[in-house]
Amino acid sequence: MSEAAVQDILKRIDSLPEADRLLLEQRLAERVEAEWQREAAAARAEAQRRGLDQAAIDRAVEEVRYPSGGPGR
């Protein structure tokens, strides 16, 4: 999609009555949430396939946040 087409769509959205604009925003938010749920489910399935559990994920996050030998360790 071209920049001009995107700008046209945004201009049309801006010209919508408030109720219609709010409905559009709600529907777009629902789409984003549904996509996030699909991606989260796929990530959980991949983690399970690799034998990762929540404890392993938590340890990996801790190691990234607080590398061994860093402050406080």
PDB file of N, CA and C in Angstrom:
ATOM      1  N   MET A   1       0.857  -1.171   0.000  1.00  0.00           N
ATOM      2  CA  MET A   1       0.000   0.000   0.000  1.00  0.00           C
ATOM      3  C   MET A   1       0.899   1.229   0.000  1.00  0.00           C
ATOM      4  N   SER A   2       0.544   2.187  -0.790  1.00  0.00           N
ATOM      5  CA  SER A   2       1.373   3.380  -0.910  1.00  0.00           C
ATOM      6  C   SER A   2       1.108   4.353   0.237  1.00  0.00           C
ATOM      7  N   GLU A   3       2.051   5.251   0.422  1.00  0.00           N
ATOM      8  CA  GLU A   3       1.911   6.294   1.442  1.00  0.00           C
ATOM      9  C   GLU A   3       0.659   7.130   1.180  1.00  0.00           C
ATOM     10  N   ALA A   4       0.379   7.414  -0.083  1.00  0.00           N
ATOM     11  CA  ALA A   4      -0.799   8.210  -0.431  1.00  0.00           C
ATOM     12  C   ALA A   4      -2.083   7.485  -0.038  1.00  0.00           C
ATOM     13  N   ALA A   5      -2.109   6.182  -0.269  1.00  0.00           N
ATOM     14  CA  ALA A   5      -3.300   5.408   0.092  1.00  0.00           C
ATOM     15  C   ALA A   5      -3.500   5.403   1.608  1.00  0.00           C
ATOM     16  N   VAL A   6      -2.412   5.255   2.350  1.00  0.00           N
ATOM     17  CA  VAL A   6      -2.487   5.271   3.811  1.00  0.00           C
ATOM     18  C   VAL A   6      -2.991   6.629   4.285  1.00  0.00           C
ATOM     19  N   GLN A   7      -2.464   7.691   3.732  1.00  0.00           N
ATOM     20  CA  GLN A   7      -2.901   9.037   4.115  1.00  0.00           C
ATOM     21  C   GLN A   7      -4.378   9.242   3.801  1.00  0.00           C
ATOM     22  N   ASP A   8      -4.829   8.710   2.667  1.00  0.00           N
ATOM     23  CA  ASP A   8      -6.241   8.809   2.301  1.00  0.00           C
ATOM     24  C   ASP A   8      -7.121   8.095   3.315  1.00  0.00           C
ATOM     25  N   ILE A   9      -6.705   6.910   3.706  1.00  0.00           N
ATOM     26  CA  ILE A   9      -7.472   6.148   4.704  1.00  0.00           C
ATOM     27  C   ILE A   9      -7.522   6.907   6.021  1.00  0.00           C
ATOM     28  N   LEU A  10      -6.387   7.439   6.457  1.00  0.00           N
ATOM     29  CA  LEU A  10      -6.357   8.193   7.713  1.00  0.00           C
ATOM     30  C   LEU A  10      -7.252   9.432   7.641  1.00  0.00           C
ATOM     31  N   LYS A  11      -7.260  10.081   6.501  1.00  0.00           N
ATOM     32  CA  LYS A  11      -8.117  11.263   6.310  1.00  0.00           C
ATOM     33  C   LYS A  11      -9.589  10.862   6.406  1.00  0.00           C
ATOM     34  N   ARG A  12      -9.924   9.729   5.805  1.00  0.00           N
ATOM     35  CA  ARG A  12     -11.309   9.231   5.873  1.00  0.00           C
ATOM     36  C   ARG A  12     -11.696   8.885   7.310  1.00  0.00           C
ATOM     37  N   ILE A  13     -10.777   8.263   8.031  1.00  0.00           N
ATOM     38  CA  ILE A  13     -11.038   7.921   9.429  1.00  0.00           C
ATOM     39  C   ILE A  13     -11.289   9.194  10.232  1.00  0.00           C
ATOM     40  N   ASP A  14     -10.455  10.191  10.021  1.00  0.00           N
ATOM     41  CA  ASP A  14     -10.609  11.454  10.744  1.00  0.00           C
ATOM     42  C   ASP A  14     -11.942  12.127  10.460  1.00  0.00           C
ATOM     43  N   SER A  15     -12.508  11.876   9.285  1.00  0.00           N
ATOM     44  CA  SER A  15     -13.773  12.527   8.934  1.00  0.00           C
ATOM     45  C   SER A  15     -14.999  11.742   9.407  1.00  0.00           C
ATOM     46  N   LEU A  16     -14.792  10.567   9.967  1.00  0.00           N
ATOM     47  CA  LEU A  16     -15.919   9.777  10.476  1.00  0.00           C
ATOM     48  C   LEU A  16     -16.548  10.456  11.688  1.00  0.00           C
ATOM     49  N   PRO A  17     -17.843  10.249  11.862  1.00  0.00           N
ATOM     50  CA  PRO A  17     -18.455  10.691  13.118  1.00  0.00           C
ATOM     51  C   PRO A  17     -17.796   9.953  14.288  1.00  0.00           C
ATOM     52  N   GLU A  18     -17.789  10.564  15.448  1.00  0.00           N
ATOM     53  CA  GLU A  18     -17.091  10.002  16.597  1.00  0.00           C
ATOM     54  C   GLU A  18     -17.514   8.567  16.901  1.00  0.00           C
ATOM     55  N   ALA A  19     -18.812   8.292  16.863  1.00  0.00           N
ATOM     56  CA  ALA A  19     -19.294   6.938  17.185  1.00  0.00           C
ATOM     57  C   ALA A  19     -18.724   5.908  16.213  1.00  0.00           C
ATOM     58  N   ASP A  20     -18.697   6.263  14.924  1.00  0.00           N
ATOM     59  CA  ASP A  20     -18.142   5.346  13.930  1.00  0.00           C
ATOM     60  C   ASP A  20     -16.645   5.155  14.125  1.00  0.00           C
ATOM     61  N   ARG A  21     -15.946   6.240  14.445  1.00  0.00           N
ATOM     62  CA  ARG A  21     -14.503   6.166  14.672  1.00  0.00           C
ATOM     63  C   ARG A  21     -14.201   5.286  15.884  1.00  0.00           C
ATOM     64  N   LEU A  22     -15.006   5.435  16.940  1.00  0.00           N
ATOM     65  CA  LEU A  22     -14.807   4.601  18.126  1.00  0.00           C
ATOM     66  C   LEU A  22     -15.071   3.131  17.819  1.00  0.00           C
ATOM     67  N   LEU A  23     -16.093   2.867  17.023  1.00  0.00           N
ATOM     68  CA  LEU A  23     -16.383   1.483  16.625  1.00  0.00           C
ATOM     69  C   LEU A  23     -15.232   0.909  15.811  1.00  0.00           C
ATOM     70  N   LEU A  24     -14.700   1.695  14.889  1.00  0.00           N
ATOM     71  CA  LEU A  24     -13.551   1.249  14.096  1.00  0.00           C
ATOM     72  C   LEU A  24     -12.363   0.945  14.992  1.00  0.00           C
ATOM     73  N   GLU A  25     -12.067   1.842  15.930  1.00  0.00           N
ATOM     74  CA  GLU A  25     -10.944   1.617  16.848  1.00  0.00           C
ATOM     75  C   GLU A  25     -11.148   0.357  17.669  1.00  0.00           C
ATOM     76  N   GLN A  26     -12.381   0.113  18.096  1.00  0.00           N
ATOM     77  CA  GLN A  26     -12.680  -1.105  18.867  1.00  0.00           C
ATOM     78  C   GLN A  26     -12.434  -2.350  18.016  1.00  0.00           C
ATOM     79  N   ARG A  27     -12.914  -2.331  16.785  1.00  0.00           N
ATOM     80  CA  ARG A  27     -12.730  -3.488  15.897  1.00  0.00           C
ATOM     81  C   ARG A  27     -11.254  -3.723  15.597  1.00  0.00           C
ATOM     82  N   LEU A  28     -10.513  -2.645  15.382  1.00  0.00           N
ATOM     83  CA  LEU A  28      -9.072  -2.797  15.136  1.00  0.00           C
ATOM     84  C   LEU A  28      -8.368  -3.357  16.364  1.00  0.00           C
ATOM     85  N   ALA A  29      -8.763  -2.894  17.549  1.00  0.00           N
ATOM     86  CA  ALA A  29      -8.174  -3.414  18.786  1.00  0.00           C
ATOM     87  C   ALA A  29      -8.487  -4.900  18.941  1.00  0.00           C
ATOM     88  N   GLU A  30      -9.696  -5.303  18.572  1.00  0.00           N
ATOM     89  CA  GLU A  30     -10.059  -6.724  18.636  1.00  0.00           C
ATOM     90  C   GLU A  30      -9.196  -7.555  17.694  1.00  0.00           C
ATOM     91  N   ARG A  31      -8.914  -7.020  16.526  1.00  0.00           N
ATOM     92  CA  ARG A  31      -8.043  -7.729  15.577  1.00  0.00           C
ATOM     93  C   ARG A  31      -6.628  -7.877  16.133  1.00  0.00           C
ATOM     94  N   VAL A  32      -6.125  -6.795  16.712  1.00  0.00           N
ATOM     95  CA  VAL A  32      -4.777  -6.841  17.298  1.00  0.00           C
ATOM     96  C   VAL A  32      -4.727  -7.872  18.421  1.00  0.00           C
ATOM     97  N   GLU A  33      -5.746  -7.877  19.268  1.00  0.00           N
ATOM     98  CA  GLU A  33      -5.795  -8.836  20.376  1.00  0.00           C
ATOM     99  C   GLU A  33      -5.860 -10.271  19.851  1.00  0.00           C
ATOM    100  N   ALA A  34      -6.680 -10.507  18.830  1.00  0.00           N
ATOM    101  CA  ALA A  34      -6.788 -11.859  18.265  1.00  0.00           C
ATOM    102  C   ALA A  34      -5.453 -12.307  17.674  1.00  0.00           C
ATOM    103  N   GLU A  35      -4.764 -11.411  16.991  1.00  0.00           N
ATOM    104  CA  GLU A  35      -3.453 -11.744  16.430  1.00  0.00           C
ATOM    105  C   GLU A  35      -2.450 -12.054  17.536  1.00  0.00           C
ATOM    106  N   TRP A  36      -2.481 -11.243  18.604  1.00  0.00           N
ATOM    107  CA  TRP A  36      -1.585 -11.486  19.739  1.00  0.00           C
ATOM    108  C   TRP A  36      -1.870 -12.855  20.345  1.00  0.00           C
ATOM    109  N   GLN A  37      -3.148 -13.204  20.489  1.00  0.00           N
ATOM    110  CA  GLN A  37      -3.510 -14.513  21.053  1.00  0.00           C
ATOM    111  C   GLN A  37      -2.999 -15.648  20.162  1.00  0.00           C
ATOM    112  N   ARG A  38      -3.135 -15.496  18.842  1.00  0.00           N
ATOM    113  CA  ARG A  38      -2.636 -16.532  17.925  1.00  0.00           C
ATOM    114  C   ARG A  38      -1.121 -16.680  18.040  1.00  0.00           C
ATOM    115  N   GLU A  39      -0.428 -15.552  18.064  1.00  0.00           N
ATOM    116  CA  GLU A  39       1.035 -15.612  18.164  1.00  0.00           C
ATOM    117  C   GLU A  39       1.482 -16.170  19.509  1.00  0.00           C
ATOM    118  N   ALA A  40       0.797 -15.818  20.578  1.00  0.00           N
ATOM    119  CA  ALA A  40       1.143 -16.344  21.898  1.00  0.00           C
ATOM    120  C   ALA A  40       0.928 -17.856  21.942  1.00  0.00           C
ATOM    121  N   ALA A  41      -0.162 -18.319  21.347  1.00  0.00           N
ATOM    122  CA  ALA A  41      -0.428 -19.767  21.317  1.00  0.00           C
ATOM    123  C   ALA A  41       0.654 -20.483  20.507  1.00  0.00           C
ATOM    124  N   ALA A  42       1.058 -19.906  19.393  1.00  0.00           N
ATOM    125  CA  ALA A  42       2.114 -20.511  18.579  1.00  0.00           C
ATOM    126  C   ALA A  42       3.438 -20.536  19.347  1.00  0.00           C
ATOM    127  N   ALA A  43       3.735 -19.467  20.069  1.00  0.00           N
ATOM    128  CA  ALA A  43       4.971 -19.418  20.852  1.00  0.00           C
ATOM    129  C   ALA A  43       4.941 -20.450  21.976  1.00  0.00           C
ATOM    130  N   ARG A  44       3.788 -20.601  22.633  1.00  0.00           N
ATOM    131  CA  ARG A  44       3.680 -21.622  23.696  1.00  0.00           C
ATOM    132  C   ARG A  44       3.867 -23.015  23.121  1.00  0.00           C
ATOM    133  N   ALA A  45       3.257 -23.270  21.954  1.00  0.00           N
ATOM    134  CA  ALA A  45       3.397 -24.582  21.320  1.00  0.00           C
ATOM    135  C   ALA A  45       4.852 -24.849  20.947  1.00  0.00           C
ATOM    136  N   GLU A  46       5.538 -23.853  20.417  1.00  0.00           N
ATOM    137  CA  GLU A  46       6.951 -24.012  20.054  1.00  0.00           C
ATOM    138  C   GLU A  46       7.803 -24.245  21.298  1.00  0.00           C
ATOM    139  N   ALA A  47       7.530 -23.523  22.359  1.00  0.00           N
ATOM    140  CA  ALA A  47       8.276 -23.722  23.608  1.00  0.00           C
ATOM    141  C   ALA A  47       8.059 -25.137  24.133  1.00  0.00           C
ATOM    142  N   GLN A  48       6.819 -25.591  24.094  1.00  0.00           N
ATOM    143  CA  GLN A  48       6.527 -26.945  24.560  1.00  0.00           C
ATOM    144  C   GLN A  48       7.235 -27.978  23.682  1.00  0.00           C
ATOM    145  N   ARG A  49       7.242 -27.748  22.367  1.00  0.00           N
ATOM    146  CA  ARG A  49       7.920 -28.666  21.440  1.00  0.00           C
ATOM    147  C   ARG A  49       9.406 -28.757  21.760  1.00  0.00           C
ATOM    148  N   ARG A  50       9.983 -27.626  22.184  1.00  0.00           N
ATOM    149  CA  ARG A  50      11.405 -27.592  22.520  1.00  0.00           C
ATOM    150  C   ARG A  50      11.686 -28.027  23.950  1.00  0.00           C
ATOM    151  N   GLY A  51      10.640 -28.348  24.684  1.00  0.00           N
ATOM    152  CA  GLY A  51      10.821 -28.815  26.056  1.00  0.00           C
ATOM    153  C   GLY A  51      11.051 -27.698  27.056  1.00  0.00           C
ATOM    154  N   LEU A  52      10.644 -26.482  26.713  1.00  0.00           N
ATOM    155  CA  LEU A  52      10.810 -25.357  27.632  1.00  0.00           C
ATOM    156  C   LEU A  52       9.565 -25.208  28.485  1.00  0.00           C
ATOM    157  N   ASP A  53       9.774 -25.035  29.760  1.00  0.00           N
ATOM    158  CA  ASP A  53       8.649 -24.764  30.646  1.00  0.00           C
ATOM    159  C   ASP A  53       8.792 -23.343  31.193  1.00  0.00           C
ATOM    160  N   GLN A  54       7.827 -22.911  31.983  1.00  0.00           N
ATOM    161  CA  GLN A  54       7.849 -21.540  32.486  1.00  0.00           C
ATOM    162  C   GLN A  54       9.075 -21.278  33.345  1.00  0.00           C
ATOM    163  N   ALA A  55       9.525 -22.253  34.102  1.00  0.00           N
ATOM    164  CA  ALA A  55      10.711 -22.074  34.944  1.00  0.00           C
ATOM    165  C   ALA A  55      11.949 -21.791  34.083  1.00  0.00           C
ATOM    166  N   ALA A  56      12.094 -22.511  32.974  1.00  0.00           N
ATOM    167  CA  ALA A  56      13.234 -22.285  32.079  1.00  0.00           C
ATOM    168  C   ALA A  56      13.162 -20.890  31.457  1.00  0.00           C
ATOM    169  N   ILE A  57      11.965 -20.479  31.096  1.00  0.00           N
ATOM    170  CA  ILE A  57      11.783 -19.137  30.525  1.00  0.00           C
ATOM    171  C   ILE A  57      12.129 -18.084  31.567  1.00  0.00           C
ATOM    172  N   ASP A  58      11.653 -18.272  32.794  1.00  0.00           N
ATOM    173  CA  ASP A  58      11.945 -17.320  33.879  1.00  0.00           C
ATOM    174  C   ASP A  58      13.450 -17.215  34.121  1.00  0.00           C
ATOM    175  N   ARG A  59      14.149 -18.371  34.117  1.00  0.00           N
ATOM    176  CA  ARG A  59      15.599 -18.355  34.313  1.00  0.00           C
ATOM    177  C   ARG A  59      16.290 -17.593  33.184  1.00  0.00           C
ATOM    178  N   ALA A  60      15.847 -17.797  31.955  1.00  0.00           N
ATOM    179  CA  ALA A  60      16.454 -17.104  30.813  1.00  0.00           C
ATOM    180  C   ALA A  60      16.237 -15.599  30.918  1.00  0.00           C
ATOM    181  N   VAL A  61      15.053 -15.193  31.316  1.00  0.00           N
ATOM    182  CA  VAL A  61      14.764 -13.760  31.480  1.00  0.00           C
ATOM    183  C   VAL A  61      15.642 -13.180  32.579  1.00  0.00           C
ATOM    184  N   GLU A  62      15.771 -13.887  33.686  1.00  0.00           N
ATOM    185  CA  GLU A  62      16.630 -13.430  34.787  1.00  0.00           C
ATOM    186  C   GLU A  62      18.071 -13.279  34.321  1.00  0.00           C
ATOM    187  N   GLU A  63      18.556 -14.232  33.529  1.00  0.00           N
ATOM    188  CA  GLU A  63      19.939 -14.174  33.058  1.00  0.00           C
ATOM    189  C   GLU A  63      20.163 -12.969  32.138  1.00  0.00           C
ATOM    190  N   VAL A  64      19.156 -12.649  31.324  1.00  0.00           N
ATOM    191  CA  VAL A  64      19.279 -11.481  30.448  1.00  0.00           C
ATOM    192  C   VAL A  64      19.245 -10.196  31.273  1.00  0.00           C
ATOM    193  N   ARG A  65      18.350 -10.148  32.239  1.00  0.00           N
ATOM    194  CA  ARG A  65      18.218  -8.947  33.069  1.00  0.00           C
ATOM    195  C   ARG A  65      19.407  -8.766  33.998  1.00  0.00           C
ATOM    196  N   TYR A  66      19.853  -9.854  34.573  1.00  0.00           N
ATOM    197  CA  TYR A  66      20.915  -9.817  35.587  1.00  0.00           C
ATOM    198  C   TYR A  66      21.982 -10.853  35.239  1.00  0.00           C
ATOM    199  N   PRO A  67      22.838 -10.556  34.285  1.00  0.00           N
ATOM    200  CA  PRO A  67      23.847 -11.533  33.847  1.00  0.00           C
ATOM    201  C   PRO A  67      24.714 -12.003  35.032  1.00  0.00           C
ATOM    202  N   SER A  68      25.147 -13.246  34.971  1.00  0.00           N
ATOM    203  CA  SER A  68      26.004 -13.797  36.016  1.00  0.00           C
ATOM    204  C   SER A  68      27.229 -12.921  36.195  1.00  0.00           C
ATOM    205  N   GLY A  69      27.551 -12.676  37.424  1.00  0.00           N
ATOM    206  CA  GLY A  69      28.718 -11.854  37.710  1.00  0.00           C
ATOM    207  C   GLY A  69      28.448 -10.379  37.681  1.00  0.00           C
ATOM    208  N   GLY A  70      27.222  -9.991  37.346  1.00  0.00           N
ATOM    209  CA  GLY A  70      26.872  -8.574  37.293  1.00  0.00           C
ATOM    210  C   GLY A  70      26.599  -8.040  38.683  1.00  0.00           C
ATOM    211  N   PRO A  71      26.185  -6.797  38.793  1.00  0.00           N
ATOM    212  CA  PRO A  71      25.887  -6.208  40.096  1.00  0.00           C
ATOM    213  C   PRO A  71      24.852  -7.017  40.868  1.00  0.00           C
ATOM    214  N   GLY A  72      25.093  -7.192  42.121  1.00  0.00           N
ATOM    215  CA  GLY A  72      24.156  -7.922  42.960  1.00  0.00           C
ATOM    216  C   GLY A  72      24.294  -9.424  42.904  1.00  0.00           C
ATOM    217  N   ARG A  73      25.301  -9.910  42.182  1.00  0.00           N
ATOM    218  CA  ARG A  73      25.471 -11.369  42.093  1.00  0.00           C
ATOM    219  C   ARG A  73      26.859 -11.761  42.519  1.00  0.00           C
TER     220      ARG A  73
END
